[in-house]
Amino acid sequence: RLKDTQSQLIQSEKMASLGELTAGIAHEIQNPLNFVNNFSEL
């Protein structure tokens, strides 16, 4: 049970890291998408 818990915690840390990365990417990708939408409308 201890080893399973350790594995779950390590995976949780990796998923937390991925979540933080995803949030950053989503925020950063909004800028080029705004440009694409604006120039398309224009």
PDB file of all heavy atoms in Angstrom:
ATOM      1  N   ARG A   1       0.828  -1.212   0.000  1.00  0.00           N
ATOM      2  CA  ARG A   1       0.000   0.000   0.000  1.00  0.00           C
ATOM      3  C   ARG A   1       0.861   1.260   0.000  1.00  0.00           C
ATOM      4  O   ARG A   1       0.536   2.254  -0.660  1.00  0.00           O
ATOM      5  CB  ARG A   1      -0.921  -0.003   1.226  1.00  0.00           C
ATOM      6  CG  ARG A   1      -2.047  -1.032   1.147  1.00  0.00           C
ATOM      7  CD  ARG A   1      -3.129  -0.739   2.191  1.00  0.00           C
ATOM      8  NE  ARG A   1      -2.612  -0.839   3.543  1.00  0.00           N
ATOM      9  CZ  ARG A   1      -2.580  -1.960   4.252  1.00  0.00           C
ATOM     10  NH1 ARG A   1      -3.030  -3.091   3.727  1.00  0.00           N
ATOM     11  NH2 ARG A   1      -2.101  -1.974   5.492  1.00  0.00           N
ATOM     12  N   LEU A   2       1.974   1.201   0.751  1.00  0.00           N
ATOM     13  CA  LEU A   2       2.883   2.351   0.789  1.00  0.00           C
ATOM     14  C   LEU A   2       3.480   2.619  -0.592  1.00  0.00           C
ATOM     15  O   LEU A   2       3.544   3.767  -1.034  1.00  0.00           O
ATOM     16  CB  LEU A   2       4.006   2.096   1.797  1.00  0.00           C
ATOM     17  CG  LEU A   2       5.081   3.191   1.917  1.00  0.00           C
ATOM     18  CD1 LEU A   2       4.452   4.506   2.340  1.00  0.00           C
ATOM     19  CD2 LEU A   2       6.157   2.777   2.907  1.00  0.00           C
ATOM     20  N   LYS A   3       3.925   1.544  -1.278  1.00  0.00           N
ATOM     21  CA  LYS A   3       4.505   1.724  -2.614  1.00  0.00           C
ATOM     22  C   LYS A   3       3.463   2.249  -3.594  1.00  0.00           C
ATOM     23  O   LYS A   3       3.760   3.098  -4.433  1.00  0.00           O
ATOM     24  CB  LYS A   3       5.081   0.388  -3.113  1.00  0.00           C
ATOM     25  CG  LYS A   3       6.348  -0.036  -2.389  1.00  0.00           C
ATOM     26  CD  LYS A   3       6.910  -1.322  -2.973  1.00  0.00           C
ATOM     27  CE  LYS A   3       8.225  -1.698  -2.294  1.00  0.00           C
ATOM     28  NZ  LYS A   3       8.771  -2.974  -2.820  1.00  0.00           N
ATOM     29  N   ASP A   4       2.206   1.720  -3.489  1.00  0.00           N
ATOM     30  CA  ASP A   4       1.141   2.213  -4.374  1.00  0.00           C
ATOM     31  C   ASP A   4       0.875   3.687  -4.129  1.00  0.00           C
ATOM     32  O   ASP A   4       0.685   4.473  -5.061  1.00  0.00           O
ATOM     33  CB  ASP A   4      -0.143   1.403  -4.139  1.00  0.00           C
ATOM     34  CG  ASP A   4      -0.024  -0.029  -4.634  1.00  0.00           C
ATOM     35  OD1 ASP A   4       0.896  -0.282  -5.426  1.00  0.00           O
ATOM     36  OD2 ASP A   4      -0.831  -0.880  -4.227  1.00  0.00           O
ATOM     37  N   THR A   5       0.857   4.076  -2.828  1.00  0.00           N
ATOM     38  CA  THR A   5       0.621   5.486  -2.491  1.00  0.00           C
ATOM     39  C   THR A   5       1.732   6.372  -3.037  1.00  0.00           C
ATOM     40  O   THR A   5       1.491   7.459  -3.566  1.00  0.00           O
ATOM     41  CB  THR A   5       0.530   5.647  -0.957  1.00  0.00           C
ATOM     42  OG1 THR A   5      -0.518   4.809  -0.468  1.00  0.00           O
ATOM     43  CG2 THR A   5       0.228   7.098  -0.591  1.00  0.00           C
ATOM     44  N   GLN A   6       2.987   5.892  -2.897  1.00  0.00           N
ATOM     45  CA  GLN A   6       4.122   6.657  -3.437  1.00  0.00           C
ATOM     46  C   GLN A   6       3.974   6.860  -4.939  1.00  0.00           C
ATOM     47  O   GLN A   6       4.173   7.954  -5.454  1.00  0.00           O
ATOM     48  CB  GLN A   6       5.434   5.931  -3.133  1.00  0.00           C
ATOM     49  CG  GLN A   6       5.959   6.175  -1.731  1.00  0.00           C
ATOM     50  CD  GLN A   6       7.324   5.548  -1.550  1.00  0.00           C
ATOM     51  OE1 GLN A   6       7.524   4.380  -1.859  1.00  0.00           O
ATOM     52  NE2 GLN A   6       8.253   6.303  -1.047  1.00  0.00           N
ATOM     53  N   SER A   7       3.618   5.778  -5.655  1.00  0.00           N
ATOM     54  CA  SER A   7       3.462   5.868  -7.106  1.00  0.00           C
ATOM     55  C   SER A   7       2.362   6.853  -7.471  1.00  0.00           C
ATOM     56  O   SER A   7       2.498   7.654  -8.402  1.00  0.00           O
ATOM     57  CB  SER A   7       3.146   4.480  -7.681  1.00  0.00           C
ATOM     58  OG  SER A   7       4.181   3.581  -7.417  1.00  0.00           O
ATOM     59  N   GLN A   8       1.233   6.814  -6.707  1.00  0.00           N
ATOM     60  CA  GLN A   8       0.136   7.729  -6.985  1.00  0.00           C
ATOM     61  C   GLN A   8       0.548   9.180  -6.742  1.00  0.00           C
ATOM     62  O   GLN A   8       0.189  10.078  -7.504  1.00  0.00           O
ATOM     63  CB  GLN A   8      -1.064   7.376  -6.105  1.00  0.00           C
ATOM     64  CG  GLN A   8      -1.725   6.049  -6.479  1.00  0.00           C
ATOM     65  CD  GLN A   8      -2.737   5.596  -5.443  1.00  0.00           C
ATOM     66  OE1 GLN A   8      -3.025   6.306  -4.496  1.00  0.00           O
ATOM     67  NE2 GLN A   8      -3.269   4.392  -5.622  1.00  0.00           N
ATOM     68  N   LEU A   9       1.321   9.412  -5.665  1.00  0.00           N
ATOM     69  CA  LEU A   9       1.764  10.784  -5.371  1.00  0.00           C
ATOM     70  C   LEU A   9       2.717  11.305  -6.441  1.00  0.00           C
ATOM     71  O   LEU A   9       2.649  12.474  -6.835  1.00  0.00           O
ATOM     72  CB  LEU A   9       2.431  10.822  -3.992  1.00  0.00           C
ATOM     73  CG  LEU A   9       1.482  10.735  -2.791  1.00  0.00           C
ATOM     74  CD1 LEU A   9       2.271  10.572  -1.514  1.00  0.00           C
ATOM     75  CD2 LEU A   9       0.589  11.957  -2.705  1.00  0.00           C
ATOM     76  N   ILE A  10       3.630  10.432  -6.891  1.00  0.00           N
ATOM     77  CA  ILE A  10       4.559  10.846  -7.952  1.00  0.00           C
ATOM     78  C   ILE A  10       3.794  11.177  -9.226  1.00  0.00           C
ATOM     79  O   ILE A  10       4.059  12.175  -9.897  1.00  0.00           O
ATOM     80  CB  ILE A  10       5.607   9.745  -8.200  1.00  0.00           C
ATOM     81  CG1 ILE A  10       6.558   9.650  -6.997  1.00  0.00           C
ATOM     82  CG2 ILE A  10       6.405  10.021  -9.466  1.00  0.00           C
ATOM     83  CD1 ILE A  10       7.503   8.478  -7.054  1.00  0.00           C
ATOM     84  N   GLN A  11       2.794  10.334  -9.571  1.00  0.00           N
ATOM     85  CA  GLN A  11       1.992  10.606 -10.755  1.00  0.00           C
ATOM     86  C   GLN A  11       1.197  11.894 -10.582  1.00  0.00           C
ATOM     87  O   GLN A  11       1.020  12.680 -11.515  1.00  0.00           O
ATOM     88  CB  GLN A  11       1.041   9.420 -11.027  1.00  0.00           C
ATOM     89  CG  GLN A  11       0.225   9.558 -12.300  1.00  0.00           C
ATOM     90  CD  GLN A  11       1.113   9.590 -13.536  1.00  0.00           C
ATOM     91  OE1 GLN A  11       2.221   9.069 -13.519  1.00  0.00           O
ATOM     92  NE2 GLN A  11       0.645  10.229 -14.597  1.00  0.00           N
ATOM     93  N   SER A  12       0.705  12.123  -9.352  1.00  0.00           N
ATOM     94  CA  SER A  12      -0.038  13.353  -9.067  1.00  0.00           C
ATOM     95  C   SER A  12       0.832  14.578  -9.294  1.00  0.00           C
ATOM     96  O   SER A  12       0.394  15.585  -9.843  1.00  0.00           O
ATOM     97  CB  SER A  12      -0.546  13.324  -7.619  1.00  0.00           C
ATOM     98  OG  SER A  12      -1.096  14.571  -7.263  1.00  0.00           O
ATOM     99  N   GLU A  13       2.115  14.489  -8.844  1.00  0.00           N
ATOM    100  CA  GLU A  13       3.039  15.609  -9.043  1.00  0.00           C
ATOM    101  C   GLU A  13       3.271  15.857 -10.521  1.00  0.00           C
ATOM    102  O   GLU A  13       3.297  16.996 -10.987  1.00  0.00           O
ATOM    103  CB  GLU A  13       4.362  15.313  -8.347  1.00  0.00           C
ATOM    104  CG  GLU A  13       5.451  16.361  -8.583  1.00  0.00           C
ATOM    105  CD  GLU A  13       5.079  17.721  -8.038  1.00  0.00           C
ATOM    106  OE1 GLU A  13       4.299  17.781  -7.057  1.00  0.00           O
ATOM    107  OE2 GLU A  13       5.544  18.729  -8.591  1.00  0.00           O
ATOM    108  N   LYS A  14       3.432  14.761 -11.297  1.00  0.00           N
ATOM    109  CA  LYS A  14       3.647  14.922 -12.737  1.00  0.00           C
ATOM    110  C   LYS A  14       2.411  15.528 -13.407  1.00  0.00           C
ATOM    111  O   LYS A  14       2.517  16.386 -14.289  1.00  0.00           O
ATOM    112  CB  LYS A  14       3.993  13.575 -13.370  1.00  0.00           C
ATOM    113  CG  LYS A  14       5.364  13.054 -12.964  1.00  0.00           C
ATOM    114  CD  LYS A  14       5.683  11.741 -13.646  1.00  0.00           C
ATOM    115  CE  LYS A  14       7.084  11.248 -13.257  1.00  0.00           C
ATOM    116  NZ  LYS A  14       7.396   9.944 -13.883  1.00  0.00           N
ATOM    117  N   MET A  15       1.208  15.103 -12.988  1.00  0.00           N
ATOM    118  CA  MET A  15      -0.016  15.649 -13.572  1.00  0.00           C
ATOM    119  C   MET A  15      -0.189  17.115 -13.172  1.00  0.00           C
ATOM    120  O   MET A  15      -0.688  17.928 -13.952  1.00  0.00           O
ATOM    121  CB  MET A  15      -1.218  14.825 -13.116  1.00  0.00           C
ATOM    122  CG  MET A  15      -1.241  13.402 -13.672  1.00  0.00           C
ATOM    123  SD  MET A  15      -1.137  13.359 -15.474  1.00  0.00           S
ATOM    124  CE  MET A  15      -2.681  14.137 -15.900  1.00  0.00           C
ATOM    125  N   ALA A  16       0.204  17.455 -11.926  1.00  0.00           N
ATOM    126  CA  ALA A  16       0.136  18.853 -11.501  1.00  0.00           C
ATOM    127  C   ALA A  16       1.050  19.712 -12.368  1.00  0.00           C
ATOM    128  O   ALA A  16       0.694  20.820 -12.778  1.00  0.00           O
ATOM    129  CB  ALA A  16       0.521  18.977 -10.030  1.00  0.00           C
ATOM    130  N   SER A  17       2.245  19.171 -12.637  1.00  0.00           N
ATOM    131  CA  SER A  17       3.186  19.880 -13.512  1.00  0.00           C
ATOM    132  C   SER A  17       2.585  20.075 -14.893  1.00  0.00           C
ATOM    133  O   SER A  17       2.666  21.152 -15.481  1.00  0.00           O
ATOM    134  CB  SER A  17       4.496  19.090 -13.606  1.00  0.00           C
ATOM    135  OG  SER A  17       5.330  19.631 -14.589  1.00  0.00           O
ATOM    136  N   LEU A  18       1.939  19.022 -15.425  1.00  0.00           N
ATOM    137  CA  LEU A  18       1.322  19.116 -16.747  1.00  0.00           C
ATOM    138  C   LEU A  18       0.169  20.117 -16.725  1.00  0.00           C
ATOM    139  O   LEU A  18      -0.053  20.866 -17.672  1.00  0.00           O
ATOM    140  CB  LEU A  18       0.834  17.729 -17.180  1.00  0.00           C
ATOM    141  CG  LEU A  18       0.201  17.643 -18.583  1.00  0.00           C
ATOM    142  CD1 LEU A  18       1.208  18.095 -19.628  1.00  0.00           C
ATOM    143  CD2 LEU A  18      -0.272  16.233 -18.864  1.00  0.00           C
ATOM    144  N   GLY A  19      -0.599  20.141 -15.602  1.00  0.00           N
ATOM    145  CA  GLY A  19      -1.703  21.086 -15.493  1.00  0.00           C
ATOM    146  C   GLY A  19      -1.220  22.521 -15.515  1.00  0.00           C
ATOM    147  O   GLY A  19      -1.806  23.389 -16.179  1.00  0.00           O
ATOM    148  N   GLU A  20      -0.133  22.781 -14.768  1.00  0.00           N
ATOM    149  CA  GLU A  20       0.429  24.135 -14.766  1.00  0.00           C
ATOM    150  C   GLU A  20       0.918  24.517 -16.151  1.00  0.00           C
ATOM    151  O   GLU A  20       0.739  25.645 -16.611  1.00  0.00           O
ATOM    152  CB  GLU A  20       1.561  24.214 -13.751  1.00  0.00           C
ATOM    153  CG  GLU A  20       1.084  24.102 -12.306  1.00  0.00           C
ATOM    154  CD  GLU A  20       2.245  23.981 -11.330  1.00  0.00           C
ATOM    155  OE1 GLU A  20       3.361  23.756 -11.799  1.00  0.00           O
ATOM    156  OE2 GLU A  20       2.018  24.111 -10.120  1.00  0.00           O
ATOM    157  N   LEU A  21       1.540  23.554 -16.842  1.00  0.00           N
ATOM    158  CA  LEU A  21       2.041  23.815 -18.189  1.00  0.00           C
ATOM    159  C   LEU A  21       0.883  24.095 -19.137  1.00  0.00           C
ATOM    160  O   LEU A  21       0.920  25.012 -19.949  1.00  0.00           O
ATOM    161  CB  LEU A  21       2.841  22.608 -18.674  1.00  0.00           C
ATOM    162  CG  LEU A  21       3.390  22.697 -20.102  1.00  0.00           C
ATOM    163  CD1 LEU A  21       4.458  23.773 -20.160  1.00  0.00           C
ATOM    164  CD2 LEU A  21       3.969  21.371 -20.527  1.00  0.00           C
ATOM    165  N   THR A  22      -0.197  23.307 -19.011  1.00  0.00           N
ATOM    166  CA  THR A  22      -1.355  23.476 -19.888  1.00  0.00           C
ATOM    167  C   THR A  22      -1.977  24.849 -19.695  1.00  0.00           C
ATOM    168  O   THR A  22      -2.379  25.512 -20.652  1.00  0.00           O
ATOM    169  CB  THR A  22      -2.389  22.376 -19.598  1.00  0.00           C
ATOM    170  OG1 THR A  22      -1.767  21.102 -19.728  1.00  0.00           O
ATOM    171  CG2 THR A  22      -3.550  22.467 -20.562  1.00  0.00           C
ATOM    172  N   ALA A  23      -2.090  25.279 -18.431  1.00  0.00           N
ATOM    173  CA  ALA A  23      -2.658  26.600 -18.158  1.00  0.00           C
ATOM    174  C   ALA A  23      -1.820  27.692 -18.823  1.00  0.00           C
ATOM    175  O   ALA A  23      -2.352  28.643 -19.411  1.00  0.00           O
ATOM    176  CB  ALA A  23      -2.727  26.824 -16.652  1.00  0.00           C
ATOM    177  N   GLY A  24      -0.495  27.547 -18.732  1.00  0.00           N
ATOM    178  CA  GLY A  24       0.386  28.536 -19.355  1.00  0.00           C
ATOM    179  C   GLY A  24       0.238  28.553 -20.864  1.00  0.00           C
ATOM    180  O   GLY A  24       0.202  29.613 -21.496  1.00  0.00           O
ATOM    181  N   ILE A  25       0.152  27.357 -21.451  1.00  0.00           N
ATOM    182  CA  ILE A  25       0.031  27.266 -22.910  1.00  0.00           C
ATOM    183  C   ILE A  25      -1.302  27.857 -23.368  1.00  0.00           C
ATOM    184  O   ILE A  25      -1.385  28.592 -24.355  1.00  0.00           O
ATOM    185  CB  ILE A  25       0.173  25.799 -23.350  1.00  0.00           C
ATOM    186  CG1 ILE A  25       1.625  25.346 -23.158  1.00  0.00           C
ATOM    187  CG2 ILE A  25      -0.225  25.607 -24.792  1.00  0.00           C
ATOM    188  CD1 ILE A  25       1.846  23.882 -23.385  1.00  0.00           C
ATOM    189  N   ALA A  26      -2.377  27.530 -22.631  1.00  0.00           N
ATOM    190  CA  ALA A  26      -3.696  28.051 -22.994  1.00  0.00           C
ATOM    191  C   ALA A  26      -3.698  29.581 -22.962  1.00  0.00           C
ATOM    192  O   ALA A  26      -4.283  30.251 -23.825  1.00  0.00           O
ATOM    193  CB  ALA A  26      -4.742  27.494 -22.041  1.00  0.00           C
ATOM    194  N   HIS A  27      -3.040  30.139 -21.948  1.00  0.00           N
ATOM    195  CA  HIS A  27      -2.984  31.598 -21.827  1.00  0.00           C
ATOM    196  C   HIS A  27      -2.149  32.204 -22.943  1.00  0.00           C
ATOM    197  O   HIS A  27      -2.509  33.221 -23.544  1.00  0.00           O
ATOM    198  CB  HIS A  27      -2.409  31.966 -20.459  1.00  0.00           C
ATOM    199  CG  HIS A  27      -2.604  33.405 -20.092  1.00  0.00           C
ATOM    200  ND1 HIS A  27      -1.686  34.371 -20.383  1.00  0.00           N
ATOM    201  CD2 HIS A  27      -3.641  34.040 -19.464  1.00  0.00           C
ATOM    202  CE1 HIS A  27      -2.119  35.548 -19.941  1.00  0.00           C
ATOM    203  NE2 HIS A  27      -3.298  35.370 -19.379  1.00  0.00           N
ATOM    204  N   GLU A  28      -0.991  31.548 -23.231  1.00  0.00           N
ATOM    205  CA  GLU A  28      -0.088  32.101 -24.242  1.00  0.00           C
ATOM    206  C   GLU A  28      -0.641  31.932 -25.644  1.00  0.00           C
ATOM    207  O   GLU A  28      -0.453  32.788 -26.507  1.00  0.00           O
ATOM    208  CB  GLU A  28       1.290  31.438 -24.144  1.00  0.00           C
ATOM    209  CG  GLU A  28       2.300  32.094 -25.075  1.00  0.00           C
ATOM    210  CD  GLU A  28       3.682  31.487 -24.940  1.00  0.00           C
ATOM    211  OE1 GLU A  28       3.803  30.483 -24.229  1.00  0.00           O
ATOM    212  OE2 GLU A  28       4.613  32.024 -25.538  1.00  0.00           O
ATOM    213  N   ILE A  29      -1.358  30.839 -25.892  1.00  0.00           N
ATOM    214  CA  ILE A  29      -1.850  30.579 -27.249  1.00  0.00           C
ATOM    215  C   ILE A  29      -2.983  31.520 -27.626  1.00  0.00           C
ATOM    216  O   ILE A  29      -3.304  31.691 -28.799  1.00  0.00           O
ATOM    217  CB  ILE A  29      -2.290  29.090 -27.367  1.00  0.00           C
ATOM    218  CG1 ILE A  29      -2.185  28.634 -28.821  1.00  0.00           C
ATOM    219  CG2 ILE A  29      -3.705  28.880 -26.846  1.00  0.00           C
ATOM    220  CD1 ILE A  29      -2.434  27.161 -29.002  1.00  0.00           C
ATOM    221  N   GLN A  30      -3.629  32.141 -26.614  1.00  0.00           N
ATOM    222  CA  GLN A  30      -4.750  33.048 -26.887  1.00  0.00           C
ATOM    223  C   GLN A  30      -4.308  34.235 -27.741  1.00  0.00           C
ATOM    224  O   GLN A  30      -5.060  34.723 -28.597  1.00  0.00           O
ATOM    225  CB  GLN A  30      -5.347  33.544 -25.564  1.00  0.00           C
ATOM    226  CG  GLN A  30      -6.665  34.297 -25.722  1.00  0.00           C
ATOM    227  CD  GLN A  30      -7.759  33.422 -26.320  1.00  0.00           C
ATOM    228  OE1 GLN A  30      -7.968  32.308 -25.873  1.00  0.00           O
ATOM    229  NE2 GLN A  30      -8.419  33.929 -27.351  1.00  0.00           N
ATOM    230  N   ASN A  31      -3.058  34.699 -27.509  1.00  0.00           N
ATOM    231  CA  ASN A  31      -2.566  35.875 -28.230  1.00  0.00           C
ATOM    232  C   ASN A  31      -2.486  35.628 -29.743  1.00  0.00           C
ATOM    233  O   ASN A  31      -3.073  36.375 -30.524  1.00  0.00           O
ATOM    234  CB  ASN A  31      -1.221  36.290 -27.647  1.00  0.00           C
ATOM    235  CG  ASN A  31      -0.769  37.633 -28.187  1.00  0.00           C
ATOM    236  OD1 ASN A  31      -1.575  38.511 -28.419  1.00  0.00           O
ATOM    237  ND2 ASN A  31       0.528  37.785 -28.388  1.00  0.00           N
ATOM    238  N   PRO A  32      -1.752  34.569 -30.218  1.00  0.00           N
ATOM    239  CA  PRO A  32      -1.733  34.337 -31.670  1.00  0.00           C
ATOM    240  C   PRO A  32      -3.109  34.009 -32.234  1.00  0.00           C
ATOM    241  O   PRO A  32      -3.415  34.356 -33.371  1.00  0.00           O
ATOM    242  CB  PRO A  32      -0.764  33.166 -31.832  1.00  0.00           C
ATOM    243  CG  PRO A  32      -0.669  32.551 -30.498  1.00  0.00           C
ATOM    244  CD  PRO A  32      -0.884  33.638 -29.511  1.00  0.00           C
ATOM    245  N   LEU A  33      -3.984  33.357 -31.458  1.00  0.00           N
ATOM    246  CA  LEU A  33      -5.328  33.063 -31.958  1.00  0.00           C
ATOM    247  C   LEU A  33      -6.131  34.357 -32.151  1.00  0.00           C
ATOM    248  O   LEU A  33      -6.929  34.472 -33.099  1.00  0.00           O
ATOM    249  CB  LEU A  33      -6.051  32.125 -30.987  1.00  0.00           C
ATOM    250  CG  LEU A  33      -5.552  30.678 -30.963  1.00  0.00           C
ATOM    251  CD1 LEU A  33      -6.318  29.866 -29.941  1.00  0.00           C
ATOM    252  CD2 LEU A  33      -5.671  30.041 -32.343  1.00  0.00           C
ATOM    253  N   ASN A  34      -5.947  35.323 -31.249  1.00  0.00           N
ATOM    254  CA  ASN A  34      -6.617  36.616 -31.424  1.00  0.00           C
ATOM    255  C   ASN A  34      -6.172  37.285 -32.724  1.00  0.00           C
ATOM    256  O   ASN A  34      -6.985  37.856 -33.463  1.00  0.00           O
ATOM    257  CB  ASN A  34      -6.335  37.530 -30.243  1.00  0.00           C
ATOM    258  CG  ASN A  34      -7.093  37.111 -28.995  1.00  0.00           C
ATOM    259  OD1 ASN A  34      -8.096  36.416 -29.084  1.00  0.00           O
ATOM    260  ND2 ASN A  34      -6.610  37.519 -27.822  1.00  0.00           N
ATOM    261  N   PHE A  35      -4.853  37.226 -32.985  1.00  0.00           N
ATOM    262  CA  PHE A  35      -4.350  37.787 -34.239  1.00  0.00           C
ATOM    263  C   PHE A  35      -4.988  37.095 -35.442  1.00  0.00           C
ATOM    264  O   PHE A  35      -5.396  37.732 -36.416  1.00  0.00           O
ATOM    265  CB  PHE A  35      -2.825  37.656 -34.302  1.00  0.00           C
ATOM    266  CG  PHE A  35      -2.093  38.758 -33.597  1.00  0.00           C
ATOM    267  CD1 PHE A  35      -1.473  38.518 -32.386  1.00  0.00           C
ATOM    268  CD2 PHE A  35      -2.031  40.037 -34.143  1.00  0.00           C
ATOM    269  CE1 PHE A  35      -0.803  39.526 -31.724  1.00  0.00           C
ATOM    270  CE2 PHE A  35      -1.345  41.050 -33.490  1.00  0.00           C
ATOM    271  CZ  PHE A  35      -0.737  40.802 -32.276  1.00  0.00           C
ATOM    272  N   VAL A  36      -5.034  35.747 -35.406  1.00  0.00           N
ATOM    273  CA  VAL A  36      -5.619  34.993 -36.526  1.00  0.00           C
ATOM    274  C   VAL A  36      -7.073  35.410 -36.740  1.00  0.00           C
ATOM    275  O   VAL A  36      -7.515  35.673 -37.875  1.00  0.00           O
ATOM    276  CB  VAL A  36      -5.525  33.473 -36.244  1.00  0.00           C
ATOM    277  CG1 VAL A  36      -6.329  32.697 -37.279  1.00  0.00           C
ATOM    278  CG2 VAL A  36      -4.077  33.018 -36.283  1.00  0.00           C
ATOM    279  N   ASN A  37      -7.860  35.493 -35.664  1.00  0.00           N
ATOM    280  CA  ASN A  37      -9.280  35.866 -35.784  1.00  0.00           C
ATOM    281  C   ASN A  37      -9.440  37.294 -36.323  1.00  0.00           C
ATOM    282  O   ASN A  37     -10.260  37.553 -37.217  1.00  0.00           O
ATOM    283  CB  ASN A  37      -9.962  35.749 -34.432  1.00  0.00           C
ATOM    284  CG  ASN A  37     -10.075  34.308 -33.975  1.00  0.00           C
ATOM    285  OD1 ASN A  37     -10.098  33.396 -34.792  1.00  0.00           O
ATOM    286  ND2 ASN A  37     -10.155  34.088 -32.664  1.00  0.00           N
ATOM    287  N   ASN A  38      -8.651  38.238 -35.752  1.00  0.00           N
ATOM    288  CA  ASN A  38      -8.783  39.647 -36.163  1.00  0.00           C
ATOM    289  C   ASN A  38      -8.432  39.843 -37.634  1.00  0.00           C
ATOM    290  O   ASN A  38      -9.145  40.516 -38.389  1.00  0.00           O
ATOM    291  CB  ASN A  38      -7.912  40.534 -35.289  1.00  0.00           C
ATOM    292  CG  ASN A  38      -8.419  40.598 -33.859  1.00  0.00           C
ATOM    293  OD1 ASN A  38      -9.588  40.344 -33.603  1.00  0.00           O
ATOM    294  ND2 ASN A  38      -7.538  40.921 -32.917  1.00  0.00           N
ATOM    295  N   PHE A  39      -7.293  39.249 -38.062  1.00  0.00           N
ATOM    296  CA  PHE A  39      -6.880  39.418 -39.463  1.00  0.00           C
ATOM    297  C   PHE A  39      -7.814  38.682 -40.415  1.00  0.00           C
ATOM    298  O   PHE A  39      -7.989  39.075 -41.568  1.00  0.00           O
ATOM    299  CB  PHE A  39      -5.438  38.947 -39.642  1.00  0.00           C
ATOM    300  CG  PHE A  39      -4.413  39.940 -39.157  1.00  0.00           C
ATOM    301  CD1 PHE A  39      -3.572  39.629 -38.106  1.00  0.00           C
ATOM    302  CD2 PHE A  39      -4.299  41.195 -39.748  1.00  0.00           C
ATOM    303  CE1 PHE A  39      -2.646  40.536 -37.652  1.00  0.00           C
ATOM    304  CE2 PHE A  39      -3.359  42.098 -39.298  1.00  0.00           C
ATOM    305  CZ  PHE A  39      -2.529  41.785 -38.245  1.00  0.00           C
ATOM    306  N   SER A  40      -8.413  37.575 -39.951  1.00  0.00           N
ATOM    307  CA  SER A  40      -9.387  36.865 -40.794  1.00  0.00           C
ATOM    308  C   SER A  40     -10.621  37.741 -41.027  1.00  0.00           C
ATOM    309  O   SER A  40     -11.132  37.851 -42.160  1.00  0.00           O
ATOM    310  CB  SER A  40      -9.800  35.551 -40.125  1.00  0.00           C
ATOM    311  OG  SER A  40      -8.708  34.694 -40.020  1.00  0.00           O
ATOM    312  N   GLU A  41     -11.146  38.361 -39.939  1.00  0.00           N
ATOM    313  CA  GLU A  41     -12.303  39.246 -40.079  1.00  0.00           C
ATOM    314  C   GLU A  41     -11.981  40.437 -40.985  1.00  0.00           C
ATOM    315  O   GLU A  41     -12.780  40.839 -41.847  1.00  0.00           O
ATOM    316  CB  GLU A  41     -12.739  39.736 -38.705  1.00  0.00           C
ATOM    317  CG  GLU A  41     -13.339  38.645 -37.830  1.00  0.00           C
ATOM    318  CD  GLU A  41     -13.679  39.142 -36.431  1.00  0.00           C
ATOM    319  OE1 GLU A  41     -13.505  40.359 -36.192  1.00  0.00           O
ATOM    320  OE2 GLU A  41     -14.125  38.320 -35.598  1.00  0.00           O
ATOM    321  N   LEU A  42     -10.784  41.000 -40.774  1.00  0.00           N
ATOM    322  CA  LEU A  42     -10.376  42.146 -41.597  1.00  0.00           C
ATOM    323  C   LEU A  42     -10.269  41.754 -43.066  1.00  0.00           C
ATOM    324  O   LEU A  42     -10.664  42.503 -43.963  1.00  0.00           O
ATOM    325  CB  LEU A  42      -9.040  42.691 -41.084  1.00  0.00           C
ATOM    326  CG  LEU A  42      -8.505  43.950 -41.777  1.00  0.00           C
ATOM    327  CD1 LEU A  42      -9.509  45.093 -41.647  1.00  0.00           C
ATOM    328  CD2 LEU A  42      -7.180  44.358 -41.161  1.00  0.00           C
TER     329      LEU A  42
END
